[in-house]
Amino acid sequence: MTNHEERQRHDEGDEPDVPEVVDKLEERRHRYARRSLPFRIAWTAAGFILVLAGIVMLITPGPAMVLIPAGLVMLSFEFRWAEQLLDRALKWGMEAKHYVDEMDPRKRRAAMVATGCTAAIALGAIVWYWFFVRQ
């Protein structure tokens, strides 16, 4: 299914909101298609580098959740599989947003507290290991 068909389904009420970013991305895809071959090769290489760096940052500290989507956006200009993966990730993100928006405020606070506690425990474990165990 193409992005145009998905937007038509959205207009009919079958899908959640499609952000304006998707429309802007379509405009950029059309401009990208007119670029020279060396530019497209460099753009694709940069996209792969961003995705790979993001994957590495899933294990190491860093902004993986920024680099991977940015790399996928760049790759989606050239590859259909990257566009489909990006569309799927966008849908998952929108479903998660709707889920959180409809969540009971008490459950939302409990989830935020649990996330904060988990982060504090992880940070404490890292500090404990770094200063006390690693010697």
C-alpha atoms as a PDB file:
ATOM      1  CA  MET A   1       0.000   0.000   0.000  1.00  0.00           C
ATOM      2  CA  THR A   2       1.412   3.379  -0.980  1.00  0.00           C
ATOM      3  CA  ASN A   3       1.516   6.432   1.254  1.00  0.00           C
ATOM      4  CA  HIS A   4      -1.207   8.041  -0.882  1.00  0.00           C
ATOM      5  CA  GLU A   5      -3.512   5.051  -0.324  1.00  0.00           C
ATOM      6  CA  GLU A   6      -2.761   5.147   3.397  1.00  0.00           C
ATOM      7  CA  ARG A   7      -3.659   8.850   3.528  1.00  0.00           C
ATOM      8  CA  GLN A   8      -6.920   8.104   1.715  1.00  0.00           C
ATOM      9  CA  ARG A   9      -7.726   5.424   4.285  1.00  0.00           C
ATOM     10  CA  HIS A  10      -6.880   7.953   7.000  1.00  0.00           C
ATOM     11  CA  ASP A  11      -9.289  10.453   5.449  1.00  0.00           C
ATOM     12  CA  GLU A  12     -11.978   7.789   5.565  1.00  0.00           C
ATOM     13  CA  GLY A  13     -11.342   7.292   9.279  1.00  0.00           C
ATOM     14  CA  ASP A  14      -9.627   3.879   9.190  1.00  0.00           C
ATOM     15  CA  GLU A  15      -6.235   5.043  10.498  1.00  0.00           C
ATOM     16  CA  PRO A  16      -4.999   7.367  13.221  1.00  0.00           C
ATOM     17  CA  ASP A  17      -3.780  10.893  12.332  1.00  0.00           C
ATOM     18  CA  VAL A  18      -0.897  11.134   9.907  1.00  0.00           C
ATOM     19  CA  PRO A  19       1.438  13.927  10.995  1.00  0.00           C
ATOM     20  CA  GLU A  20       2.325  16.801   8.660  1.00  0.00           C
ATOM     21  CA  VAL A  21       5.869  15.460   8.685  1.00  0.00           C
ATOM     22  CA  VAL A  22       4.777  12.616   6.415  1.00  0.00           C
ATOM     23  CA  ASP A  23       3.495  15.081   3.807  1.00  0.00           C
ATOM     24  CA  LYS A  24       6.725  17.078   3.996  1.00  0.00           C
ATOM     25  CA  LEU A  25       8.681  13.848   3.624  1.00  0.00           C
ATOM     26  CA  GLU A  26       6.804  13.073   0.398  1.00  0.00           C
ATOM     27  CA  GLU A  27       7.759  16.484  -1.000  1.00  0.00           C
ATOM     28  CA  ARG A  28      11.404  15.872  -0.127  1.00  0.00           C
ATOM     29  CA  ARG A  29      11.296  12.441  -1.793  1.00  0.00           C
ATOM     30  CA  HIS A  30      10.243  14.060  -5.052  1.00  0.00           C
ATOM     31  CA  ARG A  31      13.094  16.600  -4.837  1.00  0.00           C
ATOM     32  CA  TYR A  32      15.535  13.826  -3.916  1.00  0.00           C
ATOM     33  CA  ALA A  33      14.627  11.844  -7.043  1.00  0.00           C
ATOM     34  CA  ARG A  34      15.977  14.720  -9.182  1.00  0.00           C
ATOM     35  CA  ARG A  35      19.371  14.827  -7.413  1.00  0.00           C
ATOM     36  CA  SER A  36      22.597  13.679  -9.062  1.00  0.00           C
ATOM     37  CA  LEU A  37      23.919  10.145  -8.634  1.00  0.00           C
ATOM     38  CA  PRO A  38      26.934  11.141  -6.467  1.00  0.00           C
ATOM     39  CA  PHE A  39      24.626  13.026  -4.107  1.00  0.00           C
ATOM     40  CA  ARG A  40      22.280  10.034  -3.868  1.00  0.00           C
ATOM     41  CA  ILE A  41      25.170   7.656  -3.159  1.00  0.00           C
ATOM     42  CA  ALA A  42      26.510   9.934  -0.411  1.00  0.00           C
ATOM     43  CA  TRP A  43      23.009  10.372   1.041  1.00  0.00           C
ATOM     44  CA  THR A  44      22.436   6.606   1.118  1.00  0.00           C
ATOM     45  CA  ALA A  45      25.839   5.963   2.701  1.00  0.00           C
ATOM     46  CA  ALA A  46      25.094   8.572   5.374  1.00  0.00           C
ATOM     47  CA  GLY A  47      21.729   6.902   6.046  1.00  0.00           C
ATOM     48  CA  PHE A  48      23.373   3.511   6.538  1.00  0.00           C
ATOM     49  CA  ILE A  49      25.994   5.057   8.829  1.00  0.00           C
ATOM     50  CA  LEU A  50      23.277   6.666  10.984  1.00  0.00           C
ATOM     51  CA  VAL A  51      21.324   3.416  11.274  1.00  0.00           C
ATOM     52  CA  LEU A  52      24.449   1.406  12.143  1.00  0.00           C
ATOM     53  CA  ALA A  53      25.565   4.009  14.693  1.00  0.00           C
ATOM     54  CA  GLY A  54      22.074   3.918  16.194  1.00  0.00           C
ATOM     55  CA  ILE A  55      22.182   0.124  16.464  1.00  0.00           C
ATOM     56  CA  VAL A  56      25.538   0.364  18.233  1.00  0.00           C
ATOM     57  CA  MET A  57      24.012   2.950  20.569  1.00  0.00           C
ATOM     58  CA  LEU A  58      21.308   0.498  21.589  1.00  0.00           C
ATOM     59  CA  ILE A  59      24.089  -1.241  23.512  1.00  0.00           C
ATOM     60  CA  THR A  60      26.296   1.737  24.309  1.00  0.00           C
ATOM     61  CA  PRO A  61      25.219   5.157  25.575  1.00  0.00           C
ATOM     62  CA  GLY A  62      23.904   7.478  22.918  1.00  0.00           C
ATOM     63  CA  PRO A  63      20.814   8.754  21.120  1.00  0.00           C
ATOM     64  CA  ALA A  64      19.865   5.524  19.331  1.00  0.00           C
ATOM     65  CA  MET A  65      16.181   6.437  19.209  1.00  0.00           C
ATOM     66  CA  VAL A  66      17.095   9.568  17.261  1.00  0.00           C
ATOM     67  CA  LEU A  67      19.734   8.170  14.905  1.00  0.00           C
ATOM     68  CA  ILE A  68      17.871   5.056  13.764  1.00  0.00           C
ATOM     69  CA  PRO A  69      14.722   6.902  12.612  1.00  0.00           C
ATOM     70  CA  ALA A  70      16.831   9.666  11.035  1.00  0.00           C
ATOM     71  CA  GLY A  71      18.827   7.064   9.120  1.00  0.00           C
ATOM     72  CA  LEU A  72      15.644   5.271   8.075  1.00  0.00           C
ATOM     73  CA  VAL A  73      14.226   8.540   6.778  1.00  0.00           C
ATOM     74  CA  MET A  74      17.330   9.011   4.651  1.00  0.00           C
ATOM     75  CA  LEU A  75      17.247   5.422   3.406  1.00  0.00           C
ATOM     76  CA  SER A  76      13.510   5.594   2.690  1.00  0.00           C
ATOM     77  CA  PHE A  77      14.254   8.055  -0.118  1.00  0.00           C
ATOM     78  CA  GLU A  78      16.102   5.285  -1.941  1.00  0.00           C
ATOM     79  CA  PHE A  79      14.748   1.943  -0.654  1.00  0.00           C
ATOM     80  CA  ARG A  80      11.161   0.748  -0.414  1.00  0.00           C
ATOM     81  CA  TRP A  81      11.951  -1.569   2.555  1.00  0.00           C
ATOM     82  CA  ALA A  82      13.182   1.391   4.601  1.00  0.00           C
ATOM     83  CA  GLU A  83      10.039   3.360   3.748  1.00  0.00           C
ATOM     84  CA  GLN A  84       7.857   0.436   4.856  1.00  0.00           C
ATOM     85  CA  LEU A  85       9.833   0.021   8.081  1.00  0.00           C
ATOM     86  CA  LEU A  86       9.557   3.752   8.765  1.00  0.00           C
ATOM     87  CA  ASP A  87       5.797   3.685   8.116  1.00  0.00           C
ATOM     88  CA  ARG A  88       5.412   0.728  10.477  1.00  0.00           C
ATOM     89  CA  ALA A  89       7.444   2.481  13.183  1.00  0.00           C
ATOM     90  CA  LEU A  90       5.342   5.627  12.755  1.00  0.00           C
ATOM     91  CA  LYS A  91       2.147   3.611  13.162  1.00  0.00           C
ATOM     92  CA  TRP A  92       3.504   1.902  16.291  1.00  0.00           C
ATOM     93  CA  GLY A  93       4.489   5.260  17.737  1.00  0.00           C
ATOM     94  CA  MET A  94       1.079   6.749  17.024  1.00  0.00           C
ATOM     95  CA  GLU A  95      -0.679   3.724  18.539  1.00  0.00           C
ATOM     96  CA  ALA A  96       1.505   4.043  21.647  1.00  0.00           C
ATOM     97  CA  LYS A  97       0.679   7.756  21.862  1.00  0.00           C
ATOM     98  CA  HIS A  98      -3.055   7.056  21.617  1.00  0.00           C
ATOM     99  CA  TYR A  99      -2.712   4.303  24.213  1.00  0.00           C
ATOM    100  CA  VAL A 100      -0.964   6.642  26.645  1.00  0.00           C
ATOM    101  CA  ASP A 101      -3.436   9.459  25.932  1.00  0.00           C
ATOM    102  CA  GLU A 102      -6.360   7.172  26.767  1.00  0.00           C
ATOM    103  CA  MET A 103      -4.654   5.642  29.808  1.00  0.00           C
ATOM    104  CA  ASP A 104      -6.055   6.311  33.269  1.00  0.00           C
ATOM    105  CA  PRO A 105      -3.990   9.137  34.847  1.00  0.00           C
ATOM    106  CA  ARG A 106      -3.208   6.955  37.888  1.00  0.00           C
ATOM    107  CA  LYS A 107      -1.825   4.195  35.673  1.00  0.00           C
ATOM    108  CA  ARG A 108       0.170   6.752  33.697  1.00  0.00           C
ATOM    109  CA  ARG A 109       1.729   8.140  36.894  1.00  0.00           C
ATOM    110  CA  ALA A 110       2.463   4.611  38.117  1.00  0.00           C
ATOM    111  CA  ALA A 111       4.189   3.797  34.810  1.00  0.00           C
ATOM    112  CA  MET A 112       6.273   6.974  35.018  1.00  0.00           C
ATOM    113  CA  VAL A 113       7.259   6.211  38.620  1.00  0.00           C
ATOM    114  CA  ALA A 114       8.174   2.625  37.679  1.00  0.00           C
ATOM    115  CA  THR A 115      10.282   3.879  34.764  1.00  0.00           C
ATOM    116  CA  GLY A 116      12.019   6.404  37.019  1.00  0.00           C
ATOM    117  CA  CYS A 117      12.702   3.748  39.662  1.00  0.00           C
ATOM    118  CA  THR A 118      14.095   1.380  37.051  1.00  0.00           C
ATOM    119  CA  ALA A 119      16.391   4.107  35.713  1.00  0.00           C
ATOM    120  CA  ALA A 120      17.529   4.979  39.269  1.00  0.00           C
ATOM    121  CA  ILE A 121      18.253   1.324  40.058  1.00  0.00           C
ATOM    122  CA  ALA A 122      20.198   0.920  36.805  1.00  0.00           C
ATOM    123  CA  LEU A 123      22.195   4.080  37.494  1.00  0.00           C
ATOM    124  CA  GLY A 124      22.852   2.932  41.058  1.00  0.00           C
ATOM    125  CA  ALA A 125      24.054  -0.457  39.811  1.00  0.00           C
ATOM    126  CA  ILE A 126      26.404   1.200  37.326  1.00  0.00           C
ATOM    127  CA  VAL A 127      27.817   3.543  39.972  1.00  0.00           C
ATOM    128  CA  TRP A 128      28.174   0.676  42.462  1.00  0.00           C
ATOM    129  CA  TYR A 129      29.975  -1.454  39.873  1.00  0.00           C
ATOM    130  CA  TRP A 130      32.201   1.423  38.700  1.00  0.00           C
ATOM    131  CA  PHE A 131      33.361   2.482  42.170  1.00  0.00           C
ATOM    132  CA  PHE A 132      33.206  -0.666  44.302  1.00  0.00           C
ATOM    133  CA  VAL A 133      33.389  -3.843  42.214  1.00  0.00           C
ATOM    134  CA  ARG A 134      35.685  -2.860  39.362  1.00  0.00           C
ATOM    135  CA  GLN A 135      38.807  -2.531  41.507  1.00  0.00           C
END
